[in-house]
PDB file of all heavy atoms in Angstrom:
ATOM      1  N   HIS A   1     -19.258 -33.944  33.727  1.00  0.00           N
ATOM      2  CA  HIS A   1     -18.557 -32.792  33.156  1.00  0.00           C
ATOM      3  C   HIS A   1     -18.106 -31.844  34.262  1.00  0.00           C
ATOM      4  O   HIS A   1     -16.951 -31.382  34.281  1.00  0.00           O
ATOM      5  CB  HIS A   1     -19.495 -32.071  32.179  1.00  0.00           C
ATOM      6  CG  HIS A   1     -18.801 -31.263  31.138  1.00  0.00           C
ATOM      7  ND1 HIS A   1     -18.136 -30.090  31.433  1.00  0.00           N
ATOM      8  CD2 HIS A   1     -18.668 -31.441  29.801  1.00  0.00           C
ATOM      9  CE1 HIS A   1     -17.628 -29.590  30.315  1.00  0.00           C
ATOM     10  NE2 HIS A   1     -17.930 -30.399  29.311  1.00  0.00           N
ATOM     11  N   LEU A   2     -19.001 -31.532  35.181  1.00  0.00           N
ATOM     12  CA  LEU A   2     -18.687 -30.586  36.253  1.00  0.00           C
ATOM     13  C   LEU A   2     -17.544 -31.066  37.141  1.00  0.00           C
ATOM     14  O   LEU A   2     -16.749 -30.260  37.638  1.00  0.00           O
ATOM     15  CB  LEU A   2     -19.933 -30.351  37.113  1.00  0.00           C
ATOM     16  CG  LEU A   2     -21.048 -29.516  36.474  1.00  0.00           C
ATOM     17  CD1 LEU A   2     -22.313 -29.599  37.322  1.00  0.00           C
ATOM     18  CD2 LEU A   2     -20.614 -28.067  36.316  1.00  0.00           C
ATOM     19  N   THR A   3     -17.456 -32.364  37.363  1.00  0.00           N
ATOM     20  CA  THR A   3     -16.438 -32.894  38.271  1.00  0.00           C
ATOM     21  C   THR A   3     -15.103 -33.193  37.588  1.00  0.00           C
ATOM     22  O   THR A   3     -14.124 -33.476  38.282  1.00  0.00           O
ATOM     23  CB  THR A   3     -16.941 -34.173  38.969  1.00  0.00           C
ATOM     24  OG1 THR A   3     -17.393 -35.105  37.985  1.00  0.00           O
ATOM     25  CG2 THR A   3     -18.087 -33.854  39.920  1.00  0.00           C
ATOM     26  N   HIS A   4     -15.050 -33.127  36.260  1.00  0.00           N
ATOM     27  CA  HIS A   4     -13.816 -33.503  35.573  1.00  0.00           C
ATOM     28  C   HIS A   4     -13.225 -32.424  34.666  1.00  0.00           C
ATOM     29  O   HIS A   4     -12.060 -32.519  34.285  1.00  0.00           O
ATOM     30  CB  HIS A   4     -14.037 -34.774  34.740  1.00  0.00           C
ATOM     31  CG  HIS A   4     -14.224 -36.003  35.566  1.00  0.00           C
ATOM     32  ND1 HIS A   4     -15.451 -36.373  36.070  1.00  0.00           N
ATOM     33  CD2 HIS A   4     -13.343 -36.938  35.993  1.00  0.00           C
ATOM     34  CE1 HIS A   4     -15.316 -37.486  36.763  1.00  0.00           C
ATOM     35  NE2 HIS A   4     -14.056 -37.857  36.737  1.00  0.00           N
ATOM     36  N   ILE A   5     -14.001 -31.414  34.312  1.00  0.00           N
ATOM     37  CA  ILE A   5     -13.491 -30.361  33.430  1.00  0.00           C
ATOM     38  C   ILE A   5     -13.700 -29.027  34.129  1.00  0.00           C
ATOM     39  O   ILE A   5     -14.839 -28.557  34.262  1.00  0.00           O
ATOM     40  CB  ILE A   5     -14.194 -30.392  32.063  1.00  0.00           C
ATOM     41  CG1 ILE A   5     -14.038 -31.778  31.431  1.00  0.00           C
ATOM     42  CG2 ILE A   5     -13.607 -29.316  31.140  1.00  0.00           C
ATOM     43  CD1 ILE A   5     -14.741 -31.939  30.099  1.00  0.00           C
ATOM     44  N   PRO A   6     -12.643 -28.394  34.613  1.00  0.00           N
ATOM     45  CA  PRO A   6     -12.784 -27.218  35.476  1.00  0.00           C
ATOM     46  C   PRO A   6     -13.126 -25.939  34.731  1.00  0.00           C
ATOM     47  O   PRO A   6     -12.907 -25.813  33.519  1.00  0.00           O
ATOM     48  CB  PRO A   6     -11.401 -27.107  36.127  1.00  0.00           C
ATOM     49  CG  PRO A   6     -10.472 -27.697  35.107  1.00  0.00           C
ATOM     50  CD  PRO A   6     -11.239 -28.820  34.466  1.00  0.00           C
ATOM     51  N   TYR A   7     -13.653 -25.020  35.496  1.00  0.00           N
ATOM     52  CA  TYR A   7     -13.842 -23.651  35.035  1.00  0.00           C
ATOM     53  C   TYR A   7     -12.517 -22.921  35.248  1.00  0.00           C
ATOM     54  O   TYR A   7     -11.922 -23.010  36.317  1.00  0.00           O
ATOM     55  CB  TYR A   7     -14.937 -22.992  35.873  1.00  0.00           C
ATOM     56  CG  TYR A   7     -15.311 -21.589  35.471  1.00  0.00           C
ATOM     57  CD1 TYR A   7     -16.521 -21.340  34.839  1.00  0.00           C
ATOM     58  CD2 TYR A   7     -14.479 -20.508  35.736  1.00  0.00           C
ATOM     59  CE1 TYR A   7     -16.889 -20.041  34.472  1.00  0.00           C
ATOM     60  CE2 TYR A   7     -14.824 -19.215  35.369  1.00  0.00           C
ATOM     61  CZ  TYR A   7     -16.035 -18.996  34.744  1.00  0.00           C
ATOM     62  OH  TYR A   7     -16.382 -17.711  34.388  1.00  0.00           O
ATOM     63  N   GLU A   8     -12.043 -22.195  34.255  1.00  0.00           N
ATOM     64  CA  GLU A   8     -10.809 -21.415  34.447  1.00  0.00           C
ATOM     65  C   GLU A   8     -10.642 -20.378  33.339  1.00  0.00           C
ATOM     66  O   GLU A   8     -11.139 -20.559  32.233  1.00  0.00           O
ATOM     67  CB  GLU A   8      -9.582 -22.337  34.529  1.00  0.00           C
ATOM     68  CG  GLU A   8      -9.469 -23.337  33.377  1.00  0.00           C
ATOM     69  CD  GLU A   8      -8.295 -23.057  32.458  1.00  0.00           C
ATOM     70  OE1 GLU A   8      -7.943 -21.867  32.281  1.00  0.00           O
ATOM     71  OE2 GLU A   8      -7.753 -24.030  31.903  1.00  0.00           O
ATOM     72  N   ASN A   9      -9.950 -19.286  33.678  1.00  0.00           N
ATOM     73  CA  ASN A   9      -9.738 -18.172  32.749  1.00  0.00           C
ATOM     74  C   ASN A   9      -8.256 -17.881  32.521  1.00  0.00           C
ATOM     75  O   ASN A   9      -7.867 -16.747  32.244  1.00  0.00           O
ATOM     76  CB  ASN A   9     -10.422 -16.907  33.270  1.00  0.00           C
ATOM     77  CG  ASN A   9      -9.757 -16.356  34.540  1.00  0.00           C
ATOM     78  OD1 ASN A   9      -9.271 -17.122  35.374  1.00  0.00           O
ATOM     79  ND2 ASN A   9      -9.740 -15.047  34.688  1.00  0.00           N
ATOM     80  N   ILE A  10      -7.413 -18.897  32.632  1.00  0.00           N
ATOM     81  CA  ILE A  10      -5.966 -18.685  32.595  1.00  0.00           C
ATOM     82  C   ILE A  10      -5.501 -18.191  31.230  1.00  0.00           C
ATOM     83  O   ILE A  10      -4.599 -17.343  31.139  1.00  0.00           O
ATOM     84  CB  ILE A  10      -5.238 -19.977  33.022  1.00  0.00           C
ATOM     85  CG1 ILE A  10      -5.597 -20.312  34.476  1.00  0.00           C
ATOM     86  CG2 ILE A  10      -3.729 -19.819  32.877  1.00  0.00           C
ATOM     87  CD1 ILE A  10      -5.101 -21.653  34.944  1.00  0.00           C
ATOM     88  N   ASP A  11      -6.085 -18.677  30.155  1.00  0.00           N
ATOM     89  CA  ASP A  11      -5.699 -18.176  28.832  1.00  0.00           C
ATOM     90  C   ASP A  11      -6.018 -16.691  28.687  1.00  0.00           C
ATOM     91  O   ASP A  11      -5.271 -15.940  28.046  1.00  0.00           O
ATOM     92  CB  ASP A  11      -6.403 -18.963  27.730  1.00  0.00           C
ATOM     93  CG  ASP A  11      -5.723 -20.289  27.433  1.00  0.00           C
ATOM     94  OD1 ASP A  11      -4.627 -20.523  27.968  1.00  0.00           O
ATOM     95  OD2 ASP A  11      -6.280 -21.081  26.665  1.00  0.00           O
ATOM     96  N   VAL A  12      -7.119 -16.253  29.278  1.00  0.00           N
ATOM     97  CA  VAL A  12      -7.461 -14.824  29.237  1.00  0.00           C
ATOM     98  C   VAL A  12      -6.388 -14.019  29.951  1.00  0.00           C
ATOM     99  O   VAL A  12      -5.949 -12.966  29.461  1.00  0.00           O
ATOM    100  CB  VAL A  12      -8.847 -14.579  29.868  1.00  0.00           C
ATOM    101  CG1 VAL A  12      -9.149 -13.074  29.933  1.00  0.00           C
ATOM    102  CG2 VAL A  12      -9.928 -15.291  29.067  1.00  0.00           C
ATOM    103  N   LEU A  13      -5.935 -14.487  31.098  1.00  0.00           N
ATOM    104  CA  LEU A  13      -4.872 -13.797  31.827  1.00  0.00           C
ATOM    105  C   LEU A  13      -3.584 -13.747  31.015  1.00  0.00           C
ATOM    106  O   LEU A  13      -2.818 -12.784  31.096  1.00  0.00           O
ATOM    107  CB  LEU A  13      -4.599 -14.493  33.163  1.00  0.00           C
ATOM    108  CG  LEU A  13      -5.683 -14.387  34.226  1.00  0.00           C
ATOM    109  CD1 LEU A  13      -5.246 -15.105  35.482  1.00  0.00           C
ATOM    110  CD2 LEU A  13      -6.011 -12.937  34.534  1.00  0.00           C
ATOM    111  N   ASN A  14      -3.352 -14.788  30.236  1.00  0.00           N
ATOM    112  CA  ASN A  14      -2.153 -14.843  29.402  1.00  0.00           C
ATOM    113  C   ASN A  14      -2.305 -14.069  28.106  1.00  0.00           C
ATOM    114  O   ASN A  14      -1.395 -14.071  27.270  1.00  0.00           O
ATOM    115  CB  ASN A  14      -1.815 -16.308  29.063  1.00  0.00           C
ATOM    116  CG  ASN A  14      -0.921 -16.937  30.103  1.00  0.00           C
ATOM    117  OD1 ASN A  14      -0.034 -16.293  30.632  1.00  0.00           O
ATOM    118  ND2 ASN A  14      -1.166 -18.205  30.402  1.00  0.00           N
ATOM    119  N   ARG A  15      -3.483 -13.441  27.940  1.00  0.00           N
ATOM    120  CA  ARG A  15      -3.783 -12.695  26.712  1.00  0.00           C
ATOM    121  C   ARG A  15      -3.702 -13.603  25.477  1.00  0.00           C
ATOM    122  O   ARG A  15      -3.303 -13.185  24.392  1.00  0.00           O
ATOM    123  CB  ARG A  15      -2.847 -11.489  26.554  1.00  0.00           C
ATOM    124  CG  ARG A  15      -2.869 -10.515  27.715  1.00  0.00           C
ATOM    125  CD  ARG A  15      -4.272  -9.943  27.926  1.00  0.00           C
ATOM    126  NE  ARG A  15      -4.264  -8.861  28.908  1.00  0.00           N
ATOM    127  CZ  ARG A  15      -4.675  -8.978  30.168  1.00  0.00           C
ATOM    128  NH1 ARG A  15      -5.111 -10.165  30.603  1.00  0.00           N
ATOM    129  NH2 ARG A  15      -4.675  -7.946  30.985  1.00  0.00           N
ATOM    130  N   LYS A  16      -4.077 -14.857  25.688  1.00  0.00           N
ATOM    131  CA  LYS A  16      -4.126 -15.805  24.588  1.00  0.00           C
ATOM    132  C   LYS A  16      -5.546 -15.835  24.035  1.00  0.00           C
ATOM    133  O   LYS A  16      -6.495 -16.118  24.768  1.00  0.00           O
ATOM    134  CB  LYS A  16      -3.735 -17.205  25.066  1.00  0.00           C
ATOM    135  CG  LYS A  16      -3.730 -18.249  23.958  1.00  0.00           C
ATOM    136  CD  LYS A  16      -3.272 -19.606  24.494  1.00  0.00           C
ATOM    137  CE  LYS A  16      -3.279 -20.651  23.372  1.00  0.00           C
ATOM    138  NZ  LYS A  16      -2.833 -21.975  23.869  1.00  0.00           N
ATOM    139  N   PRO A  17      -5.742 -15.519  22.756  1.00  0.00           N
ATOM    140  CA  PRO A  17      -7.097 -15.458  22.195  1.00  0.00           C
ATOM    141  C   PRO A  17      -7.865 -16.759  22.403  1.00  0.00           C
ATOM    142  O   PRO A  17      -7.319 -17.851  22.271  1.00  0.00           O
ATOM    143  CB  PRO A  17      -6.845 -15.187  20.708  1.00  0.00           C
ATOM    144  CG  PRO A  17      -5.507 -14.519  20.658  1.00  0.00           C
ATOM    145  CD  PRO A  17      -4.706 -15.158  21.757  1.00  0.00           C
ATOM    146  N   ILE A  18      -9.139 -16.614  22.736  1.00  0.00           N
ATOM    147  CA  ILE A  18     -10.005 -17.760  22.958  1.00  0.00           C
ATOM    148  C   ILE A  18     -10.685 -18.144  21.643  1.00  0.00           C
ATOM    149  O   ILE A  18     -11.312 -17.308  21.000  1.00  0.00           O
ATOM    150  CB  ILE A  18     -11.083 -17.442  24.010  1.00  0.00           C
ATOM    151  CG1 ILE A  18     -10.439 -17.059  25.347  1.00  0.00           C
ATOM    152  CG2 ILE A  18     -12.029 -18.621  24.186  1.00  0.00           C
ATOM    153  CD1 ILE A  18      -9.643 -18.156  26.002  1.00  0.00           C
ATOM    154  N   SER A  19     -10.549 -19.397  21.260  1.00  0.00           N
ATOM    155  CA  SER A  19     -11.239 -19.895  20.081  1.00  0.00           C
ATOM    156  C   SER A  19     -12.455 -20.708  20.509  1.00  0.00           C
ATOM    157  O   SER A  19     -12.360 -21.543  21.413  1.00  0.00           O
ATOM    158  CB  SER A  19     -10.317 -20.787  19.234  1.00  0.00           C
ATOM    159  OG  SER A  19     -11.057 -21.413  18.187  1.00  0.00           O
ATOM    160  N   LEU A  20     -13.591 -20.439  19.856  1.00  0.00           N
ATOM    161  CA  LEU A  20     -14.808 -21.189  20.139  1.00  0.00           C
ATOM    162  C   LEU A  20     -15.102 -22.226  19.069  1.00  0.00           C
ATOM    163  O   LEU A  20     -16.180 -22.825  19.048  1.00  0.00           O
ATOM    164  CB  LEU A  20     -15.995 -20.223  20.277  1.00  0.00           C
ATOM    165  CG  LEU A  20     -15.852 -19.156  21.367  1.00  0.00           C
ATOM    166  CD1 LEU A  20     -17.116 -18.305  21.438  1.00  0.00           C
ATOM    167  CD2 LEU A  20     -15.539 -19.773  22.726  1.00  0.00           C
ATOM    168  N   GLU A  21     -14.146 -22.457  18.170  1.00  0.00           N
ATOM    169  CA  GLU A  21     -14.304 -23.493  17.148  1.00  0.00           C
ATOM    170  C   GLU A  21     -14.348 -24.868  17.814  1.00  0.00           C
ATOM    171  O   GLU A  21     -13.597 -25.137  18.764  1.00  0.00           O
ATOM    172  CB  GLU A  21     -13.164 -23.430  16.144  1.00  0.00           C
ATOM    173  CG  GLU A  21     -13.144 -22.158  15.310  1.00  0.00           C
ATOM    174  CD  GLU A  21     -14.335 -22.051  14.385  1.00  0.00           C
ATOM    175  OE1 GLU A  21     -14.806 -23.115  13.905  1.00  0.00           O
ATOM    176  OE2 GLU A  21     -14.799 -20.922  14.139  1.00  0.00           O
ATOM    177  N   SER A  22     -15.196 -25.739  17.308  1.00  0.00           N
ATOM    178  CA  SER A  22     -15.447 -27.022  17.968  1.00  0.00           C
ATOM    179  C   SER A  22     -14.186 -27.848  18.177  1.00  0.00           C
ATOM    180  O   SER A  22     -13.985 -28.438  19.248  1.00  0.00           O
ATOM    181  CB  SER A  22     -16.478 -27.829  17.173  1.00  0.00           C
ATOM    182  OG  SER A  22     -16.023 -28.081  15.862  1.00  0.00           O
ATOM    183  N   GLN A  23     -13.306 -27.900  17.176  1.00  0.00           N
ATOM    184  CA  GLN A  23     -12.106 -28.715  17.304  1.00  0.00           C
ATOM    185  C   GLN A  23     -11.092 -28.073  18.242  1.00  0.00           C
ATOM    186  O   GLN A  23     -10.358 -28.765  18.958  1.00  0.00           O
ATOM    187  CB  GLN A  23     -11.482 -28.963  15.929  1.00  0.00           C
ATOM    188  CG  GLN A  23     -12.393 -29.709  14.965  1.00  0.00           C
ATOM    189  CD  GLN A  23     -12.943 -31.011  15.535  1.00  0.00           C
ATOM    190  OE1 GLN A  23     -12.222 -31.773  16.184  1.00  0.00           O
ATOM    191  NE2 GLN A  23     -14.218 -31.281  15.298  1.00  0.00           N
ATOM    192  N   ASP A  24     -11.053 -26.741  18.274  1.00  0.00           N
ATOM    193  CA  ASP A  24     -10.149 -26.054  19.203  1.00  0.00           C
ATOM    194  C   ASP A  24     -10.596 -26.270  20.645  1.00  0.00           C
ATOM    195  O   ASP A  24      -9.768 -26.467  21.546  1.00  0.00           O
ATOM    196  CB  ASP A  24     -10.095 -24.559  18.882  1.00  0.00           C
ATOM    197  CG  ASP A  24      -9.401 -24.268  17.561  1.00  0.00           C
ATOM    198  OD1 ASP A  24      -8.567 -25.091  17.139  1.00  0.00           O
ATOM    199  OD2 ASP A  24      -9.699 -23.218  16.956  1.00  0.00           O
ATOM    200  N   LEU A  25     -11.905 -26.240  20.876  1.00  0.00           N
ATOM    201  CA  LEU A  25     -12.427 -26.519  22.212  1.00  0.00           C
ATOM    202  C   LEU A  25     -12.066 -27.935  22.644  1.00  0.00           C
ATOM    203  O   LEU A  25     -11.655 -28.165  23.792  1.00  0.00           O
ATOM    204  CB  LEU A  25     -13.947 -26.340  22.227  1.00  0.00           C
ATOM    205  CG  LEU A  25     -14.485 -24.926  22.002  1.00  0.00           C
ATOM    206  CD1 LEU A  25     -16.012 -24.950  21.911  1.00  0.00           C
ATOM    207  CD2 LEU A  25     -14.036 -23.986  23.103  1.00  0.00           C
ATOM    208  N   PHE A  26     -12.216 -28.867  21.739  1.00  0.00           N
ATOM    209  CA  PHE A  26     -11.901 -30.261  22.044  1.00  0.00           C
ATOM    210  C   PHE A  26     -10.412 -30.420  22.360  1.00  0.00           C
ATOM    211  O   PHE A  26     -10.042 -31.072  23.346  1.00  0.00           O
ATOM    212  CB  PHE A  26     -12.291 -31.156  20.868  1.00  0.00           C
ATOM    213  CG  PHE A  26     -12.113 -32.625  21.141  1.00  0.00           C
ATOM    214  CD1 PHE A  26     -13.140 -33.357  21.711  1.00  0.00           C
ATOM    215  CD2 PHE A  26     -10.926 -33.273  20.832  1.00  0.00           C
ATOM    216  CE1 PHE A  26     -12.984 -34.718  21.975  1.00  0.00           C
ATOM    217  CE2 PHE A  26     -10.761 -34.621  21.086  1.00  0.00           C
ATOM    218  CZ  PHE A  26     -11.794 -35.348  21.666  1.00  0.00           C
TER     219      PHE A  26
END
């Protein structure tokens, strides 16, 4: 997971709401 899925906050910078729903995360 650590080597293939990066940490990033680009949606926050774009003021795009973050969804924590399981299917949205997927």
